[in-house]
Amino acid sequence: MANKQPIGPGQRYRDIGRGVFGASALQWAVETVFTGVDGVAYAHLVCITDRSQRKTLSLAVLGDRRRFVRIDETSES
């Protein structure tokens, strides 16, 4: 099921998928949101702990609760 909240710069997400060595602990911050030439909305993401890691995902993928969970700044310590 897709996330109902709009996705925008500054929001943080964690990948909930499992890799070869277990669950990913990487957290990603949305830098920008844009519409590609294909008409699809995308987000540029940067890894919070290693800013050299970057990726671009469609908003549909990022908003899919089966793949990513939004991290609430108020719940972080």
N, C-alpha and C. Protein backbone atom coordinates (compact mmCIF):
# COMPACT_ATOMS: atom_id res chain seq x y z
N MET A 1 0.85 -1.18 0.00
CA MET A 1 0.00 0.00 0.00
C MET A 1 0.89 1.23 0.00
N ALA A 2 0.57 2.21 -0.77
CA ALA A 2 1.37 3.41 -0.90
C ALA A 2 1.15 4.35 0.28
N ASN A 3 2.19 5.12 0.56
CA ASN A 3 2.13 6.12 1.63
C ASN A 3 1.22 7.26 1.19
N LYS A 4 0.32 7.71 2.07
CA LYS A 4 -0.63 8.76 1.73
C LYS A 4 -0.07 10.16 1.95
N GLN A 5 1.02 10.29 2.74
CA GLN A 5 1.61 11.60 2.99
C GLN A 5 2.48 12.00 1.80
N PRO A 6 2.45 13.30 1.45
CA PRO A 6 3.31 13.75 0.36
C PRO A 6 4.78 13.60 0.73
N ILE A 7 5.58 13.29 -0.26
CA ILE A 7 7.03 13.13 -0.06
C ILE A 7 7.71 14.42 -0.47
N GLY A 8 8.61 14.91 0.40
CA GLY A 8 9.29 16.16 0.11
C GLY A 8 10.69 16.21 0.69
N PRO A 9 11.46 17.22 0.29
CA PRO A 9 12.83 17.38 0.77
C PRO A 9 12.90 17.43 2.29
N GLY A 10 13.95 16.79 2.82
CA GLY A 10 14.18 16.76 4.25
C GLY A 10 13.61 15.54 4.95
N GLN A 11 12.67 14.86 4.32
CA GLN A 11 12.09 13.67 4.94
C GLN A 11 13.11 12.54 4.91
N ARG A 12 13.00 11.65 5.90
CA ARG A 12 13.93 10.54 6.01
C ARG A 12 13.18 9.21 5.90
N TYR A 13 13.86 8.24 5.29
CA TYR A 13 13.28 6.92 5.07
C TYR A 13 14.31 5.84 5.36
N ARG A 14 13.83 4.67 5.73
CA ARG A 14 14.68 3.51 5.94
C ARG A 14 14.17 2.37 5.07
N ASP A 15 15.09 1.71 4.39
CA ASP A 15 14.76 0.56 3.56
C ASP A 15 14.45 -0.61 4.49
N ILE A 16 13.30 -1.24 4.31
CA ILE A 16 12.94 -2.36 5.18
C ILE A 16 13.22 -3.71 4.54
N GLY A 17 13.74 -3.69 3.33
CA GLY A 17 14.07 -4.93 2.64
C GLY A 17 15.26 -5.63 3.27
N ARG A 18 15.33 -6.92 3.04
CA ARG A 18 16.44 -7.70 3.57
C ARG A 18 17.44 -7.96 2.45
N GLY A 19 18.70 -7.73 2.76
CA GLY A 19 19.77 -8.00 1.82
C GLY A 19 20.39 -9.36 2.11
N VAL A 20 21.52 -9.61 1.51
CA VAL A 20 22.23 -10.87 1.69
C VAL A 20 22.62 -11.08 3.15
N PHE A 21 22.99 -10.00 3.84
CA PHE A 21 23.47 -10.10 5.21
C PHE A 21 22.44 -9.63 6.23
N GLY A 22 21.19 -9.60 5.88
CA GLY A 22 20.13 -9.20 6.81
C GLY A 22 19.51 -7.88 6.43
N ALA A 23 18.79 -7.30 7.38
CA ALA A 23 18.07 -6.05 7.13
C ALA A 23 19.04 -4.88 6.95
N SER A 24 18.69 -3.98 6.09
CA SER A 24 19.47 -2.77 5.86
C SER A 24 19.26 -1.79 6.99
N ALA A 25 20.35 -1.21 7.48
CA ALA A 25 20.24 -0.20 8.53
C ALA A 25 20.39 1.20 7.95
N LEU A 26 20.53 1.29 6.63
CA LEU A 26 20.75 2.58 6.00
C LEU A 26 19.50 3.45 6.05
N GLN A 27 19.74 4.70 6.34
CA GLN A 27 18.66 5.68 6.34
C GLN A 27 18.96 6.70 5.25
N TRP A 28 17.90 7.13 4.57
CA TRP A 28 18.02 8.00 3.42
C TRP A 28 17.24 9.29 3.64
N ALA A 29 17.80 10.40 3.19
CA ALA A 29 17.12 11.70 3.27
C ALA A 29 16.77 12.15 1.86
N VAL A 30 15.57 12.69 1.69
CA VAL A 30 15.15 13.21 0.39
C VAL A 30 15.82 14.57 0.19
N GLU A 31 16.59 14.69 -0.91
CA GLU A 31 17.21 15.98 -1.24
C GLU A 31 16.30 16.82 -2.12
N THR A 32 15.82 16.21 -3.19
CA THR A 32 14.93 16.92 -4.11
C THR A 32 13.88 15.96 -4.65
N VAL A 33 12.79 16.52 -5.10
CA VAL A 33 11.73 15.77 -5.77
C VAL A 33 11.55 16.43 -7.13
N PHE A 34 11.42 15.61 -8.19
CA PHE A 34 11.29 16.15 -9.54
C PHE A 34 10.49 15.20 -10.41
N THR A 35 10.03 15.71 -11.52
CA THR A 35 9.33 14.89 -12.50
C THR A 35 10.28 14.65 -13.67
N GLY A 36 10.50 13.38 -14.00
CA GLY A 36 11.39 13.02 -15.09
C GLY A 36 10.75 13.26 -16.45
N VAL A 37 11.57 13.14 -17.49
CA VAL A 37 11.07 13.33 -18.85
C VAL A 37 10.02 12.29 -19.21
N ASP A 38 9.99 11.19 -18.45
CA ASP A 38 8.99 10.15 -18.67
C ASP A 38 7.67 10.44 -17.97
N GLY A 39 7.60 11.59 -17.26
CA GLY A 39 6.38 11.98 -16.57
C GLY A 39 6.22 11.37 -15.18
N VAL A 40 7.21 10.60 -14.74
CA VAL A 40 7.16 9.95 -13.43
C VAL A 40 7.83 10.85 -12.40
N ALA A 41 7.25 10.92 -11.19
CA ALA A 41 7.83 11.71 -10.10
C ALA A 41 8.90 10.89 -9.40
N TYR A 42 10.06 11.52 -9.16
CA TYR A 42 11.21 10.86 -8.54
C TYR A 42 11.71 11.66 -7.35
N ALA A 43 12.52 11.00 -6.52
CA ALA A 43 13.21 11.67 -5.42
C ALA A 43 14.70 11.33 -5.49
N HIS A 44 15.54 12.36 -5.35
CA HIS A 44 16.98 12.15 -5.18
C HIS A 44 17.19 11.92 -3.69
N LEU A 45 17.86 10.81 -3.33
CA LEU A 45 18.10 10.47 -1.94
C LEU A 45 19.59 10.46 -1.65
N VAL A 46 19.94 10.80 -0.41
CA VAL A 46 21.33 10.73 0.05
C VAL A 46 21.33 9.95 1.35
N CYS A 47 22.33 9.07 1.52
CA CYS A 47 22.45 8.28 2.74
C CYS A 47 22.85 9.21 3.88
N ILE A 48 22.19 9.07 5.02
CA ILE A 48 22.44 9.96 6.16
C ILE A 48 23.82 9.73 6.76
N THR A 49 24.29 8.49 6.81
CA THR A 49 25.57 8.20 7.45
C THR A 49 26.75 8.25 6.49
N ASP A 50 26.51 8.19 5.19
CA ASP A 50 27.57 8.24 4.18
C ASP A 50 27.06 9.02 2.99
N ARG A 51 27.30 10.33 3.01
CA ARG A 51 26.73 11.22 1.99
C ARG A 51 27.25 10.94 0.58
N SER A 52 28.25 10.07 0.45
CA SER A 52 28.71 9.71 -0.89
C SER A 52 27.77 8.71 -1.56
N GLN A 53 26.91 8.07 -0.78
CA GLN A 53 25.93 7.13 -1.33
C GLN A 53 24.66 7.89 -1.68
N ARG A 54 24.29 7.81 -2.93
CA ARG A 54 23.10 8.51 -3.43
C ARG A 54 22.33 7.58 -4.35
N LYS A 55 21.02 7.82 -4.44
CA LYS A 55 20.22 7.07 -5.39
C LYS A 55 18.97 7.87 -5.74
N THR A 56 18.34 7.47 -6.83
CA THR A 56 17.11 8.09 -7.29
C THR A 56 16.05 7.00 -7.37
N LEU A 57 14.91 7.27 -6.74
CA LEU A 57 13.79 6.33 -6.75
C LEU A 57 12.52 7.05 -7.15
N SER A 58 11.60 6.33 -7.74
CA SER A 58 10.29 6.92 -8.01
C SER A 58 9.58 7.12 -6.68
N LEU A 59 8.70 8.12 -6.62
CA LEU A 59 7.94 8.37 -5.40
C LEU A 59 7.03 7.18 -5.08
N ALA A 60 6.59 6.46 -6.11
CA ALA A 60 5.76 5.28 -5.89
C ALA A 60 6.54 4.21 -5.11
N VAL A 61 7.79 4.00 -5.44
CA VAL A 61 8.63 3.02 -4.75
C VAL A 61 8.94 3.51 -3.34
N LEU A 62 9.36 4.76 -3.20
CA LEU A 62 9.70 5.32 -1.89
C LEU A 62 8.49 5.34 -0.95
N GLY A 63 7.32 5.55 -1.49
CA GLY A 63 6.10 5.58 -0.68
C GLY A 63 5.49 4.23 -0.39
N ASP A 64 6.06 3.17 -0.96
CA ASP A 64 5.55 1.81 -0.75
C ASP A 64 5.99 1.31 0.62
N ARG A 65 5.05 1.15 1.53
CA ARG A 65 5.35 0.74 2.91
C ARG A 65 5.92 -0.67 3.01
N ARG A 66 5.81 -1.45 1.95
CA ARG A 66 6.43 -2.78 1.95
C ARG A 66 7.92 -2.69 1.67
N ARG A 67 8.39 -1.51 1.20
CA ARG A 67 9.80 -1.36 0.84
C ARG A 67 10.53 -0.32 1.68
N PHE A 68 9.83 0.75 2.06
CA PHE A 68 10.45 1.83 2.83
C PHE A 68 9.51 2.28 3.93
N VAL A 69 10.09 2.73 5.05
CA VAL A 69 9.31 3.30 6.13
C VAL A 69 9.85 4.71 6.39
N ARG A 70 8.91 5.64 6.56
CA ARG A 70 9.31 7.01 6.85
C ARG A 70 9.75 7.09 8.31
N ILE A 71 10.86 7.78 8.54
CA ILE A 71 11.38 7.96 9.88
C ILE A 71 10.89 9.30 10.41
N ASP A 72 10.21 9.25 11.52
CA ASP A 72 9.68 10.45 12.15
C ASP A 72 10.79 11.10 12.97
N GLU A 73 11.13 12.35 12.68
CA GLU A 73 12.19 13.04 13.41
C GLU A 73 11.90 13.08 14.91
N THR A 74 10.64 13.13 15.30
CA THR A 74 10.30 13.22 16.71
C THR A 74 10.54 11.89 17.43
N SER A 75 10.61 10.78 16.70
CA SER A 75 10.82 9.48 17.34
C SER A 75 12.30 9.09 17.39
N GLU A 76 13.16 9.87 16.73
CA GLU A 76 14.59 9.57 16.74
C GLU A 76 15.21 10.07 18.03
N SER A 77 16.26 9.36 18.49
CA SER A 77 16.96 9.85 19.68
C SER A 77 18.38 10.22 19.34
